[in-house]
Amino acid sequence: MLTSSLALKGFREIHLDDEGRDFISFKTRLVQYRWKVVPFGLRNDAASLQKVVNSSLSGCREFCKAYLDDIAIVTCDTLLKHLDVVLSKSSAFKFTANVKKCVFGKTQIEYLGHIIGAGRHEPDPEKLRGFEIIGRPRTKSALKSAPSLFNYNRNYIKKLC
């Protein structure tokens, strides 16, 4: 089994039409600026990006998964063919890849804090370090973050209610 991970430059690559540009413009004393692309930080920018990425990858769901602009491709024997399909579909939607963050043709990859590949799915050891240092919560924020740590790793903790 071979895996690949594509890191698209998804944010700031969704182009706005003229009407949309008027809604998210900003003005200084001298001039008004209008975004040509969806800027990072808008309320629904992540949901919009996910919708566009899902549309761009239609027909590829059996061998790839996408979360925002991170795509994992898992295949048994046709990695190059599947990579070509995903890259073609992504470029049709004018997405570009961040080559420094992409991984190609590995037996396992780190994807969204998990190690996947070779029929395995396990937590990234770096993400488990929080359990080593958790201790007793001494602040309000530490108390709030503890359940998040357990929730994030719930699939790997046996008998967690």
N, C-alpha and C. Protein backbone atom coordinates (compact mmCIF):
# COMPACT_ATOMS: atom_id res chain seq x y z
N MET A 1 0.84 -1.17 0.00
CA MET A 1 0.00 0.00 0.00
C MET A 1 0.89 1.24 0.00
N LEU A 2 0.60 2.17 -0.88
CA LEU A 2 1.35 3.42 -0.95
C LEU A 2 0.43 4.59 -0.63
N THR A 3 1.02 5.59 -0.01
CA THR A 3 0.25 6.78 0.35
C THR A 3 0.98 8.03 -0.11
N SER A 4 0.21 9.06 -0.31
CA SER A 4 0.75 10.37 -0.63
C SER A 4 -0.08 11.41 0.09
N SER A 5 0.53 12.53 0.34
CA SER A 5 -0.15 13.64 1.00
C SER A 5 0.09 14.90 0.18
N LEU A 6 -0.99 15.57 -0.18
CA LEU A 6 -0.89 16.83 -0.91
C LEU A 6 -1.34 17.96 0.00
N ALA A 7 -0.55 18.99 0.05
CA ALA A 7 -0.91 20.19 0.82
C ALA A 7 -1.18 21.30 -0.19
N LEU A 8 -2.45 21.54 -0.44
CA LEU A 8 -2.82 22.60 -1.37
C LEU A 8 -2.67 23.95 -0.70
N LYS A 9 -2.49 24.95 -1.51
CA LYS A 9 -2.50 26.32 -0.99
C LYS A 9 -3.94 26.82 -1.12
N GLY A 10 -4.82 26.21 -0.36
CA GLY A 10 -6.25 26.42 -0.54
C GLY A 10 -6.76 27.79 -0.16
N PHE A 11 -6.33 28.28 0.98
CA PHE A 11 -6.79 29.59 1.39
C PHE A 11 -6.18 30.63 0.46
N ARG A 12 -6.92 31.61 0.15
CA ARG A 12 -6.55 32.67 -0.78
C ARG A 12 -6.42 32.17 -2.21
N GLU A 13 -7.07 31.08 -2.53
CA GLU A 13 -7.11 30.61 -3.92
C GLU A 13 -8.53 30.49 -4.45
N ILE A 14 -9.51 30.83 -3.63
CA ILE A 14 -10.89 30.82 -4.10
C ILE A 14 -11.20 32.24 -4.57
N HIS A 15 -11.38 32.38 -5.87
CA HIS A 15 -11.58 33.70 -6.46
C HIS A 15 -13.00 34.20 -6.21
N LEU A 16 -13.11 35.50 -6.02
CA LEU A 16 -14.40 36.14 -5.77
C LEU A 16 -14.91 36.79 -7.04
N ASP A 17 -16.23 36.77 -7.23
CA ASP A 17 -16.81 37.54 -8.33
C ASP A 17 -16.92 39.00 -7.88
N ASP A 18 -17.28 39.88 -8.79
CA ASP A 18 -17.32 41.32 -8.47
C ASP A 18 -18.28 41.63 -7.34
N GLU A 19 -19.43 40.96 -7.31
CA GLU A 19 -20.40 41.21 -6.25
C GLU A 19 -19.85 40.81 -4.88
N GLY A 20 -19.19 39.67 -4.81
CA GLY A 20 -18.61 39.21 -3.55
C GLY A 20 -17.48 40.10 -3.07
N ARG A 21 -16.75 40.67 -4.01
CA ARG A 21 -15.63 41.55 -3.64
C ARG A 21 -16.12 42.79 -2.91
N ASP A 22 -17.32 43.26 -3.23
CA ASP A 22 -17.85 44.45 -2.57
C ASP A 22 -18.16 44.20 -1.10
N PHE A 23 -18.52 42.97 -0.76
CA PHE A 23 -18.90 42.67 0.62
C PHE A 23 -17.72 42.57 1.57
N ILE A 24 -16.56 42.27 1.07
CA ILE A 24 -15.41 42.13 1.96
C ILE A 24 -14.29 43.11 1.63
N SER A 25 -14.67 44.26 1.17
CA SER A 25 -13.68 45.30 0.92
C SER A 25 -13.39 46.05 2.21
N PHE A 26 -12.31 46.79 2.22
CA PHE A 26 -12.00 47.64 3.36
C PHE A 26 -11.44 48.96 2.84
N LYS A 27 -11.56 49.98 3.65
CA LYS A 27 -11.26 51.32 3.19
C LYS A 27 -10.28 52.01 4.13
N THR A 28 -9.37 52.75 3.55
CA THR A 28 -8.50 53.64 4.31
C THR A 28 -8.95 55.07 4.04
N ARG A 29 -8.25 56.03 4.56
CA ARG A 29 -8.64 57.42 4.30
C ARG A 29 -8.57 57.75 2.81
N LEU A 30 -7.66 57.13 2.10
CA LEU A 30 -7.42 57.51 0.72
C LEU A 30 -8.03 56.59 -0.33
N VAL A 31 -8.16 55.32 -0.02
CA VAL A 31 -8.56 54.37 -1.06
C VAL A 31 -9.33 53.19 -0.45
N GLN A 32 -10.16 52.57 -1.27
CA GLN A 32 -10.88 51.36 -0.87
C GLN A 32 -10.23 50.16 -1.56
N TYR A 33 -9.95 49.11 -0.78
CA TYR A 33 -9.35 47.90 -1.31
C TYR A 33 -10.41 46.80 -1.38
N ARG A 34 -10.37 46.04 -2.47
CA ARG A 34 -11.30 44.93 -2.66
C ARG A 34 -10.49 43.66 -2.89
N TRP A 35 -10.78 42.64 -2.09
CA TRP A 35 -10.09 41.36 -2.24
C TRP A 35 -10.48 40.72 -3.56
N LYS A 36 -9.53 40.08 -4.22
CA LYS A 36 -9.82 39.30 -5.43
C LYS A 36 -10.07 37.84 -5.08
N VAL A 37 -9.57 37.42 -3.93
CA VAL A 37 -9.74 36.05 -3.45
C VAL A 37 -10.29 36.10 -2.04
N VAL A 38 -10.84 34.98 -1.57
CA VAL A 38 -11.36 34.92 -0.21
C VAL A 38 -10.19 35.03 0.76
N PRO A 39 -10.19 36.04 1.62
CA PRO A 39 -9.08 36.18 2.57
C PRO A 39 -9.23 35.21 3.73
N PHE A 40 -8.12 34.88 4.35
CA PHE A 40 -8.13 34.01 5.52
C PHE A 40 -8.76 34.76 6.68
N GLY A 41 -9.61 34.09 7.44
CA GLY A 41 -10.18 34.69 8.64
C GLY A 41 -11.65 35.05 8.56
N LEU A 42 -12.26 34.91 7.39
CA LEU A 42 -13.70 35.17 7.32
C LEU A 42 -14.45 34.05 8.03
N ARG A 43 -15.63 34.35 8.48
CA ARG A 43 -16.40 33.39 9.27
C ARG A 43 -16.58 32.05 8.56
N ASN A 44 -16.92 32.05 7.31
CA ASN A 44 -17.23 30.81 6.60
C ASN A 44 -16.15 30.40 5.60
N ASP A 45 -14.95 30.95 5.73
CA ASP A 45 -13.93 30.63 4.73
C ASP A 45 -13.54 29.16 4.74
N ALA A 46 -13.45 28.54 5.90
CA ALA A 46 -13.09 27.12 5.97
C ALA A 46 -14.19 26.25 5.35
N ALA A 47 -15.44 26.57 5.65
CA ALA A 47 -16.55 25.79 5.09
C ALA A 47 -16.61 25.95 3.57
N SER A 48 -16.36 27.16 3.10
CA SER A 48 -16.35 27.40 1.66
C SER A 48 -15.22 26.64 0.98
N LEU A 49 -14.05 26.67 1.60
CA LEU A 49 -12.91 25.95 1.04
C LEU A 49 -13.20 24.45 1.00
N GLN A 50 -13.75 23.90 2.07
CA GLN A 50 -14.05 22.46 2.10
C GLN A 50 -15.04 22.10 1.00
N LYS A 51 -16.03 22.95 0.79
CA LYS A 51 -17.03 22.69 -0.25
C LYS A 51 -16.38 22.68 -1.64
N VAL A 52 -15.49 23.63 -1.90
CA VAL A 52 -14.83 23.70 -3.20
C VAL A 52 -13.89 22.50 -3.39
N VAL A 53 -13.13 22.16 -2.36
CA VAL A 53 -12.21 21.01 -2.46
C VAL A 53 -13.01 19.72 -2.67
N ASN A 54 -14.11 19.55 -1.94
CA ASN A 54 -14.95 18.36 -2.14
C ASN A 54 -15.47 18.30 -3.57
N SER A 55 -15.90 19.44 -4.11
CA SER A 55 -16.38 19.47 -5.49
C SER A 55 -15.27 19.11 -6.46
N SER A 56 -14.08 19.63 -6.20
CA SER A 56 -12.96 19.37 -7.12
C SER A 56 -12.55 17.90 -7.12
N LEU A 57 -12.79 17.21 -6.02
CA LEU A 57 -12.37 15.81 -5.91
C LEU A 57 -13.51 14.82 -6.12
N SER A 58 -14.60 15.27 -6.70
CA SER A 58 -15.71 14.35 -6.93
C SER A 58 -15.23 13.20 -7.82
N GLY A 59 -15.64 12.00 -7.48
CA GLY A 59 -15.22 10.82 -8.21
C GLY A 59 -13.92 10.21 -7.71
N CYS A 60 -13.32 10.82 -6.70
CA CYS A 60 -12.04 10.31 -6.17
C CYS A 60 -12.16 9.81 -4.74
N ARG A 61 -13.34 9.76 -4.20
CA ARG A 61 -13.53 9.45 -2.78
C ARG A 61 -13.09 8.05 -2.37
N GLU A 62 -13.02 7.11 -3.32
CA GLU A 62 -12.61 5.77 -2.92
C GLU A 62 -11.12 5.66 -2.63
N PHE A 63 -10.32 6.61 -3.10
CA PHE A 63 -8.88 6.54 -2.83
C PHE A 63 -8.29 7.80 -2.22
N CYS A 64 -9.10 8.83 -1.98
CA CYS A 64 -8.53 10.01 -1.34
C CYS A 64 -9.53 10.64 -0.37
N LYS A 65 -8.97 11.29 0.63
CA LYS A 65 -9.75 12.01 1.64
C LYS A 65 -9.19 13.41 1.73
N ALA A 66 -10.06 14.38 1.95
CA ALA A 66 -9.60 15.77 2.05
C ALA A 66 -10.17 16.42 3.30
N TYR A 67 -9.32 17.14 3.97
CA TYR A 67 -9.75 18.00 5.06
C TYR A 67 -9.18 19.37 4.75
N LEU A 68 -10.07 20.30 4.42
CA LEU A 68 -9.68 21.63 3.97
C LEU A 68 -8.71 21.49 2.81
N ASP A 69 -7.48 21.96 2.95
CA ASP A 69 -6.55 21.90 1.82
C ASP A 69 -5.51 20.80 1.95
N ASP A 70 -5.75 19.83 2.82
CA ASP A 70 -4.86 18.68 2.98
C ASP A 70 -5.55 17.44 2.40
N ILE A 71 -4.88 16.79 1.47
CA ILE A 71 -5.45 15.63 0.79
C ILE A 71 -4.55 14.42 1.03
N ALA A 72 -5.14 13.31 1.43
CA ALA A 72 -4.42 12.05 1.57
C ALA A 72 -4.89 11.09 0.49
N ILE A 73 -3.94 10.47 -0.19
CA ILE A 73 -4.24 9.49 -1.23
C ILE A 73 -3.68 8.16 -0.78
N VAL A 74 -4.54 7.16 -0.65
CA VAL A 74 -4.12 5.82 -0.22
C VAL A 74 -4.55 4.84 -1.31
N THR A 75 -3.60 4.08 -1.82
CA THR A 75 -3.89 3.17 -2.92
C THR A 75 -2.99 1.94 -2.84
N CYS A 76 -3.45 0.86 -3.42
CA CYS A 76 -2.65 -0.37 -3.38
C CYS A 76 -1.62 -0.43 -4.50
N ASP A 77 -2.03 -0.12 -5.72
CA ASP A 77 -1.09 -0.34 -6.82
C ASP A 77 -1.11 0.75 -7.90
N THR A 78 -2.02 1.66 -7.83
CA THR A 78 -2.15 2.64 -8.91
C THR A 78 -1.93 4.06 -8.41
N LEU A 79 -0.89 4.26 -7.61
CA LEU A 79 -0.65 5.57 -7.02
C LEU A 79 -0.44 6.65 -8.07
N LEU A 80 0.37 6.38 -9.08
CA LEU A 80 0.64 7.41 -10.10
C LEU A 80 -0.63 7.81 -10.84
N LYS A 81 -1.46 6.83 -11.16
CA LYS A 81 -2.72 7.13 -11.85
C LYS A 81 -3.62 7.98 -10.95
N HIS A 82 -3.74 7.60 -9.68
CA HIS A 82 -4.59 8.35 -8.75
C HIS A 82 -4.02 9.74 -8.48
N LEU A 83 -2.71 9.85 -8.37
CA LEU A 83 -2.09 11.17 -8.20
C LEU A 83 -2.40 12.06 -9.39
N ASP A 84 -2.30 11.50 -10.58
CA ASP A 84 -2.58 12.27 -11.79
C ASP A 84 -4.02 12.76 -11.80
N VAL A 85 -4.95 11.90 -11.41
CA VAL A 85 -6.36 12.29 -11.37
C VAL A 85 -6.58 13.43 -10.37
N VAL A 86 -6.03 13.28 -9.16
CA VAL A 86 -6.23 14.30 -8.12
C VAL A 86 -5.57 15.62 -8.52
N LEU A 87 -4.36 15.56 -9.06
CA LEU A 87 -3.68 16.79 -9.46
C LEU A 87 -4.39 17.47 -10.63
N SER A 88 -4.91 16.68 -11.56
CA SER A 88 -5.67 17.26 -12.68
C SER A 88 -6.93 17.95 -12.20
N LYS A 89 -7.65 17.30 -11.30
CA LYS A 89 -8.88 17.89 -10.78
C LYS A 89 -8.57 19.15 -9.96
N SER A 90 -7.49 19.11 -9.19
CA SER A 90 -7.12 20.27 -8.38
C SER A 90 -6.71 21.44 -9.26
N SER A 91 -5.97 21.16 -10.32
CA SER A 91 -5.54 22.26 -11.19
C SER A 91 -6.71 22.81 -12.00
N ALA A 92 -7.72 21.98 -12.28
CA ALA A 92 -8.91 22.48 -12.97
C ALA A 92 -9.63 23.52 -12.12
N PHE A 93 -9.51 23.41 -10.80
CA PHE A 93 -10.10 24.39 -9.89
C PHE A 93 -9.09 25.46 -9.49
N LYS A 94 -7.96 25.47 -10.19
CA LYS A 94 -6.90 26.47 -10.00
C LYS A 94 -6.26 26.43 -8.61
N PHE A 95 -6.21 25.24 -8.02
CA PHE A 95 -5.47 25.07 -6.77
C PHE A 95 -4.02 24.77 -7.11
N THR A 96 -3.12 25.25 -6.29
CA THR A 96 -1.72 24.89 -6.44
C THR A 96 -1.28 24.18 -5.17
N ALA A 97 -0.26 23.35 -5.30
CA ALA A 97 0.23 22.58 -4.16
C ALA A 97 1.44 23.27 -3.54
N ASN A 98 1.54 23.14 -2.23
CA ASN A 98 2.72 23.59 -1.51
C ASN A 98 3.71 22.42 -1.54
N VAL A 99 4.63 22.45 -2.48
CA VAL A 99 5.51 21.31 -2.74
C VAL A 99 6.34 20.94 -1.52
N LYS A 100 6.72 21.91 -0.71
CA LYS A 100 7.53 21.63 0.48
C LYS A 100 6.79 20.75 1.49
N LYS A 101 5.46 20.80 1.47
CA LYS A 101 4.66 20.03 2.43
C LYS A 101 4.10 18.73 1.84
N CYS A 102 4.29 18.50 0.55
CA CYS A 102 3.75 17.30 -0.09
C CYS A 102 4.68 16.10 0.14
N VAL A 103 4.07 14.92 0.23
CA VAL A 103 4.81 13.66 0.40
C VAL A 103 4.27 12.70 -0.65
N PHE A 104 5.16 12.03 -1.38
CA PHE A 104 4.73 11.15 -2.46
C PHE A 104 5.29 9.74 -2.31
N GLY A 105 4.42 8.74 -2.50
CA GLY A 105 4.83 7.35 -2.62
C GLY A 105 5.47 6.74 -1.39
N LYS A 106 4.98 7.05 -0.23
CA LYS A 106 5.52 6.48 1.01
C LYS A 106 4.62 5.35 1.48
N THR A 107 5.17 4.47 2.32
CA THR A 107 4.36 3.39 2.88
C THR A 107 3.48 3.91 4.01
N GLN A 108 3.88 5.02 4.63
CA GLN A 108 3.03 5.66 5.64
C GLN A 108 3.31 7.16 5.64
N ILE A 109 2.28 7.93 6.01
CA ILE A 109 2.42 9.38 6.07
C ILE A 109 1.79 9.90 7.35
N GLU A 110 2.20 11.09 7.73
CA GLU A 110 1.55 11.80 8.83
C GLU A 110 0.48 12.66 8.20
N TYR A 111 -0.76 12.48 8.65
CA TYR A 111 -1.88 13.22 8.08
C TYR A 111 -2.81 13.64 9.20
N LEU A 112 -2.94 14.92 9.41
CA LEU A 112 -3.83 15.49 10.42
C LEU A 112 -3.56 14.93 11.81
N GLY A 113 -2.30 14.74 12.14
CA GLY A 113 -1.94 14.26 13.46
C GLY A 113 -2.04 12.76 13.64
N HIS A 114 -2.17 12.03 12.54
CA HIS A 114 -2.26 10.57 12.58
C HIS A 114 -1.24 9.99 11.62
N ILE A 115 -0.81 8.79 11.88
CA ILE A 115 0.06 8.05 10.97
C ILE A 115 -0.83 7.05 10.25
N ILE A 116 -0.89 7.16 8.91
CA ILE A 116 -1.72 6.24 8.14
C ILE A 116 -0.86 5.56 7.08
N GLY A 117 -1.26 4.35 6.72
CA GLY A 117 -0.58 3.60 5.68
C GLY A 117 -0.31 2.18 6.12
N ALA A 118 -0.03 1.32 5.16
CA ALA A 118 0.26 -0.09 5.41
C ALA A 118 -0.82 -0.75 6.26
N GLY A 119 -2.07 -0.38 6.03
CA GLY A 119 -3.19 -0.96 6.76
C GLY A 119 -3.29 -0.51 8.20
N ARG A 120 -2.54 0.52 8.58
CA ARG A 120 -2.55 0.99 9.96
C ARG A 120 -3.07 2.42 10.03
N HIS A 121 -3.58 2.73 11.18
CA HIS A 121 -4.04 4.09 11.49
C HIS A 121 -3.78 4.29 12.97
N GLU A 122 -2.79 5.10 13.29
CA GLU A 122 -2.42 5.28 14.70
C GLU A 122 -2.08 6.73 14.97
N PRO A 123 -2.05 7.11 16.23
CA PRO A 123 -1.75 8.51 16.54
C PRO A 123 -0.27 8.82 16.30
N ASP A 124 -0.01 10.05 15.94
CA ASP A 124 1.36 10.53 15.80
C ASP A 124 1.98 10.57 17.20
N PRO A 125 3.13 9.94 17.40
CA PRO A 125 3.75 9.93 18.73
C PRO A 125 3.94 11.33 19.33
N GLU A 126 4.17 12.32 18.50
CA GLU A 126 4.31 13.69 19.01
C GLU A 126 3.02 14.17 19.66
N LYS A 127 1.88 13.75 19.13
CA LYS A 127 0.60 14.17 19.68
C LYS A 127 0.32 13.51 21.02
N LEU A 128 0.96 12.38 21.28
CA LEU A 128 0.74 11.67 22.54
C LEU A 128 1.58 12.23 23.68
N ARG A 129 2.51 13.11 23.38
CA ARG A 129 3.36 13.67 24.43
C ARG A 129 2.55 14.45 25.46
N GLY A 130 1.40 14.94 25.07
CA GLY A 130 0.53 15.65 26.00
C GLY A 130 0.13 14.80 27.19
N PHE A 131 -0.02 13.49 26.96
CA PHE A 131 -0.37 12.59 28.06
C PHE A 131 0.77 12.46 29.07
N GLU A 132 1.99 12.57 28.59
CA GLU A 132 3.15 12.45 29.48
C GLU A 132 3.27 13.64 30.42
N ILE A 133 2.84 14.80 29.96
CA ILE A 133 3.05 16.02 30.76
C ILE A 133 1.76 16.60 31.32
N ILE A 134 0.64 15.89 31.18
CA ILE A 134 -0.64 16.49 31.53
C ILE A 134 -0.73 16.86 33.02
N GLY A 135 -0.40 15.97 33.89
CA GLY A 135 -0.46 16.28 35.33
C GLY A 135 -1.84 16.76 35.76
N ARG A 136 -1.91 17.28 36.96
CA ARG A 136 -3.18 17.80 37.48
C ARG A 136 -3.38 19.23 36.98
N PRO A 137 -4.55 19.51 36.38
CA PRO A 137 -4.78 20.87 35.88
C PRO A 137 -4.73 21.90 37.01
N ARG A 138 -3.97 22.95 36.82
CA ARG A 138 -3.82 23.98 37.85
C ARG A 138 -4.45 25.31 37.45
N THR A 139 -4.83 25.44 36.19
CA THR A 139 -5.48 26.67 35.74
C THR A 139 -6.78 26.31 35.04
N LYS A 140 -7.60 27.32 34.85
CA LYS A 140 -8.88 27.11 34.18
C LYS A 140 -8.68 26.64 32.74
N SER A 141 -7.71 27.24 32.05
CA SER A 141 -7.47 26.84 30.66
C SER A 141 -6.91 25.42 30.57
N ALA A 142 -6.08 25.02 31.53
CA ALA A 142 -5.56 23.65 31.56
C ALA A 142 -6.69 22.66 31.80
N LEU A 143 -7.63 23.03 32.65
CA LEU A 143 -8.78 22.18 32.93
C LEU A 143 -9.64 22.02 31.68
N LYS A 144 -9.80 23.10 30.92
CA LYS A 144 -10.60 23.04 29.70
C LYS A 144 -9.90 22.24 28.60
N SER A 145 -8.58 22.27 28.55
CA SER A 145 -7.87 21.60 27.47
C SER A 145 -7.73 20.09 27.69
N ALA A 146 -7.81 19.63 28.92
CA ALA A 146 -7.64 18.20 29.20
C ALA A 146 -8.67 17.33 28.47
N PRO A 147 -9.97 17.65 28.52
CA PRO A 147 -10.93 16.81 27.77
C PRO A 147 -10.66 16.81 26.27
N SER A 148 -10.14 17.91 25.74
CA SER A 148 -9.83 17.97 24.31
C SER A 148 -8.75 16.97 23.94
N LEU A 149 -7.75 16.85 24.80
CA LEU A 149 -6.67 15.89 24.56
C LEU A 149 -7.22 14.47 24.51
N PHE A 150 -8.10 14.13 25.45
CA PHE A 150 -8.68 12.78 25.46
C PHE A 150 -9.62 12.59 24.26
N ASN A 151 -10.40 13.60 23.94
CA ASN A 151 -11.33 13.50 22.82
C ASN A 151 -10.59 13.30 21.51
N TYR A 152 -9.51 14.04 21.32
CA TYR A 152 -8.73 13.94 20.08
C TYR A 152 -8.19 12.52 19.89
N ASN A 153 -7.82 11.87 20.98
CA ASN A 153 -7.23 10.53 20.92
C ASN A 153 -8.20 9.42 21.31
N ARG A 154 -9.50 9.69 21.32
CA ARG A 154 -10.49 8.74 21.82
C ARG A 154 -10.49 7.41 21.07
N ASN A 155 -10.16 7.42 19.79
CA ASN A 155 -10.15 6.17 19.02
C ASN A 155 -9.01 5.24 19.42
N TYR A 156 -8.04 5.75 20.14
CA TYR A 156 -6.87 4.96 20.51
C TYR A 156 -6.84 4.58 21.99
N ILE A 157 -7.82 5.04 22.76
CA ILE A 157 -7.86 4.76 24.19
C ILE A 157 -8.94 3.72 24.44
N LYS A 158 -8.54 2.54 24.87
CA LYS A 158 -9.51 1.47 25.12
C LYS A 158 -10.37 1.81 26.33
N LYS A 159 -11.64 1.46 26.23
CA LYS A 159 -12.61 1.61 27.32
C LYS A 159 -12.80 3.06 27.77
N LEU A 160 -12.61 4.00 26.86
CA LEU A 160 -12.90 5.40 27.18
C LEU A 160 -14.39 5.61 26.94
N CYS A 161 -15.11 5.99 27.97
CA CYS A 161 -16.57 6.12 27.87
C CYS A 161 -16.96 7.26 26.98
